[in-house]
Amino acid sequence: MSSVGAGVREIRIRDESGAFRVMYVVQAKDAVYVLHAFQKKSQQTARHDLDLARLRLQQV
């Protein structure tokens, strides 16, 4: 997820109830920070979700 920031990764989950995303970043060997987790409601990721993940990345 270079659109959010360097080193940000994404897990995509899809099941019968919909599509879900988890954005996270790994810092050091023993720390994984989940920046944002949400259910996708459209094909494109909403600007609000990307902005929130960027904001949280700055706080890490």
C-alpha atoms as a PDB file:
ATOM      1  CA  MET A   1       0.000   0.000   0.000  1.00  0.00           C
ATOM      2  CA  SER A   2       2.474   2.593  -1.150  1.00  0.00           C
ATOM      3  CA  SER A   3      -0.464   5.000  -1.483  1.00  0.00           C
ATOM      4  CA  VAL A   4      -0.623   5.056   2.336  1.00  0.00           C
ATOM      5  CA  GLY A   5       3.103   4.975   3.113  1.00  0.00           C
ATOM      6  CA  ALA A   6       6.353   3.091   2.862  1.00  0.00           C
ATOM      7  CA  GLY A   7       6.210  -0.420   4.285  1.00  0.00           C
ATOM      8  CA  VAL A   8       2.427  -0.514   4.675  1.00  0.00           C
ATOM      9  CA  ARG A   9       0.940  -3.895   3.803  1.00  0.00           C
ATOM     10  CA  GLU A  10      -2.632  -5.029   3.259  1.00  0.00           C
ATOM     11  CA  ILE A  11      -4.517  -8.212   4.042  1.00  0.00           C
ATOM     12  CA  ARG A  12      -7.576  -8.819   1.884  1.00  0.00           C
ATOM     13  CA  ILE A  13     -10.356 -11.062   3.117  1.00  0.00           C
ATOM     14  CA  ARG A  14     -13.458 -11.992   1.181  1.00  0.00           C
ATOM     15  CA  ASP A  15     -16.328 -14.183   2.339  1.00  0.00           C
ATOM     16  CA  GLU A  16     -20.095 -14.429   1.908  1.00  0.00           C
ATOM     17  CA  SER A  17     -20.656 -11.321   4.056  1.00  0.00           C
ATOM     18  CA  GLY A  18     -18.385  -9.080   1.958  1.00  0.00           C
ATOM     19  CA  ALA A  19     -14.837  -7.853   1.436  1.00  0.00           C
ATOM     20  CA  PHE A  20     -12.605  -6.698   4.278  1.00  0.00           C
ATOM     21  CA  ARG A  21      -9.200  -4.995   4.441  1.00  0.00           C
ATOM     22  CA  VAL A  22      -6.582  -4.710   7.156  1.00  0.00           C
ATOM     23  CA  MET A  23      -3.743  -2.199   6.662  1.00  0.00           C
ATOM     24  CA  TYR A  24      -0.670  -2.709   8.816  1.00  0.00           C
ATOM     25  CA  VAL A  25       3.006  -1.885   9.113  1.00  0.00           C
ATOM     26  CA  VAL A  26       5.821  -3.915  10.701  1.00  0.00           C
ATOM     27  CA  GLN A  27       8.260  -1.970  12.872  1.00  0.00           C
ATOM     28  CA  ALA A  28      11.291  -3.824  14.228  1.00  0.00           C
ATOM     29  CA  LYS A  29      11.223  -7.582  14.738  1.00  0.00           C
ATOM     30  CA  ASP A  30       8.507  -7.739  17.356  1.00  0.00           C
ATOM     31  CA  ALA A  31       5.981  -5.033  16.502  1.00  0.00           C
ATOM     32  CA  VAL A  32       3.098  -5.063  14.048  1.00  0.00           C
ATOM     33  CA  TYR A  33       0.875  -1.984  14.043  1.00  0.00           C
ATOM     34  CA  VAL A  34      -2.621  -2.329  12.611  1.00  0.00           C
ATOM     35  CA  LEU A  35      -3.373   1.046  11.068  1.00  0.00           C
ATOM     36  CA  HIS A  36      -6.943   0.417   9.968  1.00  0.00           C
ATOM     37  CA  ALA A  37      -9.386  -2.464   9.442  1.00  0.00           C
ATOM     38  CA  PHE A  38     -12.679  -2.021   7.624  1.00  0.00           C
ATOM     39  CA  GLN A  39     -15.308  -3.587   5.382  1.00  0.00           C
ATOM     40  CA  LYS A  40     -15.150  -2.501   1.762  1.00  0.00           C
ATOM     41  CA  LYS A  41     -18.422  -1.265   0.357  1.00  0.00           C
ATOM     42  CA  SER A  42     -17.253  -0.388  -3.154  1.00  0.00           C
ATOM     43  CA  GLN A  43     -14.592  -1.396  -5.657  1.00  0.00           C
ATOM     44  CA  GLN A  44     -12.311   1.535  -4.816  1.00  0.00           C
ATOM     45  CA  THR A  45     -10.964   2.134  -1.309  1.00  0.00           C
ATOM     46  CA  ALA A  46     -12.618   5.231   0.157  1.00  0.00           C
ATOM     47  CA  ARG A  47     -10.481   8.354   0.605  1.00  0.00           C
ATOM     48  CA  HIS A  48     -11.490   8.466   4.286  1.00  0.00           C
ATOM     49  CA  ASP A  49     -10.023   4.988   4.889  1.00  0.00           C
ATOM     50  CA  LEU A  50      -6.726   5.868   3.182  1.00  0.00           C
ATOM     51  CA  ASP A  51      -6.453   9.190   5.043  1.00  0.00           C
ATOM     52  CA  LEU A  52      -7.108   7.523   8.390  1.00  0.00           C
ATOM     53  CA  ALA A  53      -4.402   4.918   7.753  1.00  0.00           C
ATOM     54  CA  ARG A  54      -1.936   7.677   6.749  1.00  0.00           C
ATOM     55  CA  LEU A  55      -2.699   9.632   9.913  1.00  0.00           C
ATOM     56  CA  ARG A  56      -2.184   6.587  12.114  1.00  0.00           C
ATOM     57  CA  LEU A  57       1.078   5.749  10.323  1.00  0.00           C
ATOM     58  CA  GLN A  58       2.405   9.216  11.220  1.00  0.00           C
ATOM     59  CA  GLN A  59       1.560   8.521  14.882  1.00  0.00           C
ATOM     60  CA  VAL A  60       3.567   5.266  14.992  1.00  0.00           C
END
